Structures are given as C-alpha cells and as structure tokens.
Amino acid sequence: FGSYKVTYHPDGPEGEAKEIDFTPPFRRLRMFPDLEKALGCELPKPDTLHTEEARLHLDRICTQHQVDCPPPRTAARLLDKLVGDYLEETCVNPTFITEHPQVMSPLAKWHRS
C-alpha cells in the first residue's frame, strides 16, 4: 500500500513474480510507427487499409513473421494479430496504444494531423 508498484504472479503462486508500475505518465505507443519499428518493415498507409492491395500486403507480413490469423483474413484482423503479437506483448506496465485506424474500430476518429 502507498505505492504505484504492484507485484503479481501471472503463472500462479509458484511462478515468477512480475512487477507492474502504475506510476504516471503511462507509456504511449503509436500503432503504425511503433509496429513498423517492431516488425522492421513498412505497413500500408492507414487510409488505404480498405483496399485489397493493403490486405494482401498485411497477409504477406503475417506469413513472413509466422503470425497466425484464422479466416476471415481481413485487413483489420491481420493488423490486430500483428499488434497483439508485436506491441501488446511488450506491454507489462500500463500503456496506451494510440492512433488506431478507422478500419479497426467503427468508433475511431480520423487523426487530426
């Protein structure tokens, strides 16, 4: 108590202890730039994700990086699997993943910049 740090055992009491630090400010990841950095390759532009070309490009990236995505292999699902495997896996402490493309969420707004 009285601390922003919490120790927990994700694999049960005998498993390895991990510490989560809730000290603000929380880490922020920008979806496309940080995913490109993690993958080491260029992704389709967010405003082209509705095209078949973008879907095929994401499909190739998933295949190259052995990211499993069962059908239907839409651009949104492929991108979600990549984010799950390459960004979310790095998040132990609270992290905001920002700048989601509209194709992934019907409630996402266009980016103002």
N, C-alpha and C. Protein backbone atom coordinates (compact mmCIF):
# COMPACT_ATOMS: atom_id res chain seq x y z
N PHE A 1 0.83 -1.19 0.00
CA PHE A 1 0.00 0.00 0.00
C PHE A 1 0.87 1.24 0.00
N GLY A 2 0.34 2.31 -0.58
CA GLY A 2 1.08 3.55 -0.63
C GLY A 2 2.10 3.60 -1.74
N SER A 3 2.03 2.66 -2.69
CA SER A 3 2.99 2.63 -3.78
C SER A 3 2.25 2.42 -5.10
N TYR A 4 2.85 2.90 -6.16
CA TYR A 4 2.29 2.69 -7.50
C TYR A 4 2.74 1.36 -8.08
N LYS A 5 3.57 0.62 -7.36
CA LYS A 5 4.10 -0.65 -7.87
C LYS A 5 3.40 -1.81 -7.20
N VAL A 6 3.03 -2.79 -8.04
CA VAL A 6 2.33 -3.97 -7.55
C VAL A 6 3.06 -5.21 -8.07
N THR A 7 3.24 -6.19 -7.21
CA THR A 7 3.85 -7.45 -7.61
C THR A 7 2.74 -8.48 -7.76
N TYR A 8 2.80 -9.23 -8.87
CA TYR A 8 1.82 -10.28 -9.05
C TYR A 8 2.49 -11.51 -9.67
N HIS A 9 1.79 -12.62 -9.64
CA HIS A 9 2.29 -13.90 -10.15
C HIS A 9 1.36 -14.37 -11.26
N PRO A 10 1.66 -14.06 -12.53
CA PRO A 10 0.76 -14.41 -13.62
C PRO A 10 0.60 -15.92 -13.82
N ASP A 11 1.58 -16.72 -13.40
CA ASP A 11 1.52 -18.17 -13.57
C ASP A 11 1.22 -18.90 -12.27
N GLY A 12 0.61 -18.23 -11.32
CA GLY A 12 0.30 -18.86 -10.04
C GLY A 12 1.35 -18.52 -8.99
N PRO A 13 1.09 -18.89 -7.75
CA PRO A 13 1.97 -18.51 -6.64
C PRO A 13 3.40 -19.05 -6.77
N GLU A 14 3.58 -20.18 -7.44
CA GLU A 14 4.92 -20.74 -7.59
C GLU A 14 5.65 -20.16 -8.80
N GLY A 15 4.94 -19.44 -9.65
CA GLY A 15 5.55 -18.88 -10.85
C GLY A 15 6.36 -17.64 -10.57
N GLU A 16 7.00 -17.15 -11.61
CA GLU A 16 7.84 -15.96 -11.48
C GLU A 16 7.00 -14.73 -11.15
N ALA A 17 7.49 -13.93 -10.22
CA ALA A 17 6.81 -12.70 -9.84
C ALA A 17 7.14 -11.60 -10.84
N LYS A 18 6.13 -10.81 -11.18
CA LYS A 18 6.33 -9.65 -12.06
C LYS A 18 5.84 -8.42 -11.34
N GLU A 19 6.45 -7.31 -11.68
CA GLU A 19 6.06 -6.05 -11.06
C GLU A 19 5.43 -5.15 -12.11
N ILE A 20 4.31 -4.56 -11.75
CA ILE A 20 3.64 -3.58 -12.61
C ILE A 20 3.80 -2.23 -11.94
N ASP A 21 4.22 -1.25 -12.73
CA ASP A 21 4.42 0.09 -12.22
C ASP A 21 3.33 1.01 -12.77
N PHE A 22 2.45 1.46 -11.91
CA PHE A 22 1.35 2.34 -12.30
C PHE A 22 1.71 3.82 -12.16
N THR A 23 2.99 4.11 -12.03
CA THR A 23 3.43 5.50 -11.90
C THR A 23 3.16 6.25 -13.20
N PRO A 24 2.39 7.35 -13.12
CA PRO A 24 2.16 8.13 -14.34
C PRO A 24 3.41 8.92 -14.71
N PRO A 25 3.56 9.35 -15.92
CA PRO A 25 2.66 9.15 -17.05
C PRO A 25 2.87 7.75 -17.65
N PHE A 26 1.79 7.20 -18.21
CA PHE A 26 1.86 5.88 -18.81
C PHE A 26 2.51 5.95 -20.18
N ARG A 27 3.13 4.87 -20.56
CA ARG A 27 3.78 4.74 -21.86
C ARG A 27 2.74 4.86 -22.97
N ARG A 28 3.13 5.48 -24.08
CA ARG A 28 2.25 5.60 -25.25
C ARG A 28 2.95 5.02 -26.46
N LEU A 29 2.21 4.20 -27.19
CA LEU A 29 2.71 3.65 -28.45
C LEU A 29 1.79 4.14 -29.57
N ARG A 30 2.38 4.62 -30.64
CA ARG A 30 1.61 4.99 -31.83
C ARG A 30 1.55 3.75 -32.70
N MET A 31 0.34 3.29 -33.00
CA MET A 31 0.18 1.98 -33.61
C MET A 31 1.07 1.75 -34.84
N PHE A 32 0.96 2.56 -35.85
CA PHE A 32 1.68 2.28 -37.09
C PHE A 32 3.19 2.48 -36.98
N PRO A 33 3.66 3.62 -36.50
CA PRO A 33 5.12 3.78 -36.42
C PRO A 33 5.80 2.75 -35.51
N ASP A 34 5.19 2.45 -34.39
CA ASP A 34 5.81 1.51 -33.46
C ASP A 34 5.71 0.07 -33.94
N LEU A 35 4.63 -0.27 -34.65
CA LEU A 35 4.52 -1.60 -35.22
C LEU A 35 5.52 -1.78 -36.36
N GLU A 36 5.69 -0.75 -37.19
CA GLU A 36 6.69 -0.81 -38.26
C GLU A 36 8.09 -1.00 -37.67
N LYS A 37 8.37 -0.31 -36.59
CA LYS A 37 9.68 -0.44 -35.93
C LYS A 37 9.87 -1.86 -35.39
N ALA A 38 8.83 -2.41 -34.77
CA ALA A 38 8.93 -3.75 -34.20
C ALA A 38 9.06 -4.82 -35.28
N LEU A 39 8.38 -4.63 -36.40
CA LEU A 39 8.42 -5.61 -37.49
C LEU A 39 9.64 -5.44 -38.39
N GLY A 40 10.16 -4.22 -38.45
CA GLY A 40 11.27 -3.95 -39.34
C GLY A 40 10.85 -3.85 -40.80
N CYS A 41 9.60 -3.50 -41.04
CA CYS A 41 9.14 -3.33 -42.42
C CYS A 41 8.04 -2.27 -42.46
N GLU A 42 7.73 -1.83 -43.66
CA GLU A 42 6.74 -0.77 -43.85
C GLU A 42 5.34 -1.39 -43.98
N LEU A 43 4.39 -0.77 -43.32
CA LEU A 43 2.98 -1.20 -43.41
C LEU A 43 2.25 -0.35 -44.44
N PRO A 44 1.10 -0.83 -44.91
CA PRO A 44 0.29 0.02 -45.79
C PRO A 44 -0.16 1.27 -45.04
N LYS A 45 -0.38 2.34 -45.75
CA LYS A 45 -0.86 3.58 -45.12
C LYS A 45 -2.24 3.33 -44.51
N PRO A 46 -2.52 3.91 -43.34
CA PRO A 46 -3.80 3.67 -42.68
C PRO A 46 -5.03 4.00 -43.53
N ASP A 47 -4.91 5.01 -44.39
CA ASP A 47 -6.08 5.38 -45.19
C ASP A 47 -6.28 4.47 -46.41
N THR A 48 -5.41 3.46 -46.59
CA THR A 48 -5.57 2.51 -47.70
C THR A 48 -5.96 1.12 -47.22
N LEU A 49 -6.21 0.95 -45.94
CA LEU A 49 -6.47 -0.38 -45.39
C LEU A 49 -7.74 -1.03 -45.92
N HIS A 50 -8.61 -0.26 -46.53
CA HIS A 50 -9.84 -0.82 -47.09
C HIS A 50 -9.61 -1.49 -48.44
N THR A 51 -8.41 -1.35 -49.00
CA THR A 51 -8.13 -1.91 -50.33
C THR A 51 -7.63 -3.34 -50.24
N GLU A 52 -7.83 -4.08 -51.34
CA GLU A 52 -7.35 -5.46 -51.41
C GLU A 52 -5.81 -5.49 -51.41
N GLU A 53 -5.19 -4.51 -52.01
CA GLU A 53 -3.73 -4.44 -52.04
C GLU A 53 -3.16 -4.35 -50.63
N ALA A 54 -3.77 -3.54 -49.79
CA ALA A 54 -3.32 -3.41 -48.40
C ALA A 54 -3.53 -4.72 -47.64
N ARG A 55 -4.66 -5.36 -47.88
CA ARG A 55 -4.95 -6.64 -47.22
C ARG A 55 -3.90 -7.69 -47.60
N LEU A 56 -3.56 -7.75 -48.88
CA LEU A 56 -2.56 -8.71 -49.34
C LEU A 56 -1.19 -8.41 -48.75
N HIS A 57 -0.86 -7.12 -48.63
CA HIS A 57 0.42 -6.73 -48.04
C HIS A 57 0.49 -7.17 -46.57
N LEU A 58 -0.59 -6.94 -45.81
CA LEU A 58 -0.62 -7.38 -44.41
C LEU A 58 -0.59 -8.90 -44.31
N ASP A 59 -1.24 -9.58 -45.26
CA ASP A 59 -1.23 -11.04 -45.29
C ASP A 59 0.20 -11.56 -45.49
N ARG A 60 0.96 -10.93 -46.38
CA ARG A 60 2.36 -11.33 -46.61
C ARG A 60 3.20 -11.09 -45.35
N ILE A 61 2.97 -9.97 -44.70
CA ILE A 61 3.73 -9.66 -43.48
C ILE A 61 3.44 -10.71 -42.40
N CYS A 62 2.16 -11.06 -42.23
CA CYS A 62 1.80 -12.08 -41.23
C CYS A 62 2.45 -13.42 -41.56
N THR A 63 2.45 -13.78 -42.83
CA THR A 63 3.06 -15.04 -43.25
C THR A 63 4.56 -15.02 -42.99
N GLN A 64 5.23 -13.92 -43.36
CA GLN A 64 6.68 -13.79 -43.15
C GLN A 64 7.05 -13.88 -41.68
N HIS A 65 6.22 -13.31 -40.82
CA HIS A 65 6.53 -13.28 -39.39
C HIS A 65 5.83 -14.40 -38.61
N GLN A 66 5.25 -15.34 -39.34
CA GLN A 66 4.58 -16.51 -38.75
C GLN A 66 3.54 -16.12 -37.70
N VAL A 67 2.73 -15.12 -38.05
CA VAL A 67 1.64 -14.69 -37.19
C VAL A 67 0.38 -15.41 -37.67
N ASP A 68 -0.21 -16.19 -36.80
CA ASP A 68 -1.38 -16.98 -37.15
C ASP A 68 -2.64 -16.12 -37.11
N CYS A 69 -3.42 -16.17 -38.19
CA CYS A 69 -4.70 -15.45 -38.24
C CYS A 69 -5.68 -16.33 -38.99
N PRO A 70 -6.64 -16.93 -38.28
CA PRO A 70 -7.63 -17.77 -38.96
C PRO A 70 -8.58 -16.91 -39.81
N PRO A 71 -9.24 -17.53 -40.78
CA PRO A 71 -10.18 -16.78 -41.64
C PRO A 71 -11.31 -16.18 -40.82
N PRO A 72 -11.87 -15.10 -41.27
CA PRO A 72 -11.55 -14.36 -42.49
C PRO A 72 -10.33 -13.47 -42.26
N ARG A 73 -9.42 -13.46 -43.21
CA ARG A 73 -8.17 -12.70 -43.09
C ARG A 73 -8.36 -11.30 -43.66
N THR A 74 -9.16 -10.51 -42.96
CA THR A 74 -9.39 -9.13 -43.37
C THR A 74 -8.21 -8.27 -42.91
N ALA A 75 -8.10 -7.09 -43.49
CA ALA A 75 -7.02 -6.18 -43.10
C ALA A 75 -7.09 -5.87 -41.61
N ALA A 76 -8.30 -5.65 -41.10
CA ALA A 76 -8.46 -5.31 -39.69
C ALA A 76 -8.00 -6.47 -38.79
N ARG A 77 -8.37 -7.69 -39.14
CA ARG A 77 -7.97 -8.85 -38.32
C ARG A 77 -6.47 -9.09 -38.39
N LEU A 78 -5.90 -8.97 -39.60
CA LEU A 78 -4.46 -9.17 -39.76
C LEU A 78 -3.68 -8.14 -38.95
N LEU A 79 -4.10 -6.91 -39.04
CA LEU A 79 -3.44 -5.84 -38.29
C LEU A 79 -3.58 -6.06 -36.79
N ASP A 80 -4.76 -6.49 -36.36
CA ASP A 80 -4.99 -6.76 -34.94
C ASP A 80 -4.07 -7.87 -34.44
N LYS A 81 -3.88 -8.91 -35.23
CA LYS A 81 -2.98 -10.01 -34.83
C LYS A 81 -1.53 -9.52 -34.74
N LEU A 82 -1.11 -8.68 -35.69
CA LEU A 82 0.25 -8.14 -35.64
C LEU A 82 0.45 -7.28 -34.40
N VAL A 83 -0.53 -6.43 -34.10
CA VAL A 83 -0.46 -5.58 -32.91
C VAL A 83 -0.40 -6.45 -31.65
N GLY A 84 -1.23 -7.49 -31.61
CA GLY A 84 -1.24 -8.39 -30.46
C GLY A 84 0.10 -9.08 -30.24
N ASP A 85 0.72 -9.53 -31.33
CA ASP A 85 1.98 -10.27 -31.21
C ASP A 85 3.20 -9.38 -31.03
N TYR A 86 3.17 -8.16 -31.59
CA TYR A 86 4.38 -7.34 -31.59
C TYR A 86 4.31 -6.09 -30.71
N LEU A 87 3.13 -5.60 -30.37
CA LEU A 87 3.05 -4.43 -29.49
C LEU A 87 2.50 -4.80 -28.12
N GLU A 88 1.35 -5.46 -28.10
CA GLU A 88 0.71 -5.78 -26.81
C GLU A 88 1.58 -6.69 -25.97
N GLU A 89 2.35 -7.56 -26.60
CA GLU A 89 3.23 -8.47 -25.86
C GLU A 89 4.32 -7.73 -25.08
N THR A 90 4.63 -6.50 -25.51
CA THR A 90 5.67 -5.73 -24.82
C THR A 90 5.10 -4.89 -23.68
N CYS A 91 3.80 -4.91 -23.52
CA CYS A 91 3.14 -4.06 -22.53
C CYS A 91 2.97 -4.80 -21.20
N VAL A 92 3.78 -4.47 -20.24
CA VAL A 92 3.63 -5.01 -18.89
C VAL A 92 3.01 -3.92 -18.02
N ASN A 93 3.63 -2.76 -18.04
CA ASN A 93 3.09 -1.62 -17.32
C ASN A 93 1.97 -0.99 -18.16
N PRO A 94 1.10 -0.19 -17.56
CA PRO A 94 0.01 0.42 -18.33
C PRO A 94 0.55 1.18 -19.55
N THR A 95 -0.06 0.93 -20.68
CA THR A 95 0.38 1.50 -21.94
C THR A 95 -0.84 1.86 -22.79
N PHE A 96 -0.80 3.03 -23.40
CA PHE A 96 -1.84 3.43 -24.34
C PHE A 96 -1.33 3.17 -25.75
N ILE A 97 -2.08 2.39 -26.52
CA ILE A 97 -1.77 2.24 -27.94
C ILE A 97 -2.72 3.19 -28.66
N THR A 98 -2.15 4.19 -29.32
CA THR A 98 -2.95 5.25 -29.91
C THR A 98 -2.95 5.18 -31.44
N GLU A 99 -3.76 6.04 -32.02
CA GLU A 99 -3.85 6.21 -33.47
C GLU A 99 -4.29 4.94 -34.19
N HIS A 100 -5.32 4.28 -33.64
CA HIS A 100 -5.91 3.13 -34.32
C HIS A 100 -6.56 3.60 -35.62
N PRO A 101 -6.40 2.85 -36.71
CA PRO A 101 -7.05 3.25 -37.96
C PRO A 101 -8.55 3.01 -37.88
N GLN A 102 -9.31 3.77 -38.64
CA GLN A 102 -10.77 3.66 -38.62
C GLN A 102 -11.25 2.28 -39.02
N VAL A 103 -10.52 1.58 -39.88
CA VAL A 103 -10.95 0.27 -40.32
C VAL A 103 -11.00 -0.74 -39.17
N MET A 104 -10.24 -0.49 -38.10
CA MET A 104 -10.21 -1.42 -36.97
C MET A 104 -11.30 -1.15 -35.95
N SER A 105 -11.83 0.04 -35.94
CA SER A 105 -12.84 0.37 -34.95
C SER A 105 -13.84 1.35 -35.54
N PRO A 106 -15.11 1.00 -35.54
CA PRO A 106 -16.09 1.92 -36.10
C PRO A 106 -16.21 3.22 -35.31
N LEU A 107 -15.71 3.24 -34.09
CA LEU A 107 -15.79 4.45 -33.27
C LEU A 107 -14.51 5.29 -33.34
N ALA A 108 -13.49 4.79 -34.06
CA ALA A 108 -12.24 5.55 -34.17
C ALA A 108 -12.48 6.80 -35.01
N LYS A 109 -11.83 7.87 -34.62
CA LYS A 109 -11.93 9.12 -35.36
C LYS A 109 -10.71 9.27 -36.25
N TRP A 110 -10.83 10.05 -37.29
CA TRP A 110 -9.70 10.36 -38.15
C TRP A 110 -8.69 11.15 -37.35
N HIS A 111 -7.42 10.99 -37.71
CA HIS A 111 -6.35 11.69 -36.99
C HIS A 111 -6.30 13.13 -37.45
N ARG A 112 -6.18 14.06 -36.52
CA ARG A 112 -6.25 15.49 -36.84
C ARG A 112 -5.02 16.03 -37.55
N SER A 113 -3.92 15.31 -37.54
CA SER A 113 -2.70 15.86 -38.17
C SER A 113 -2.61 15.50 -39.58
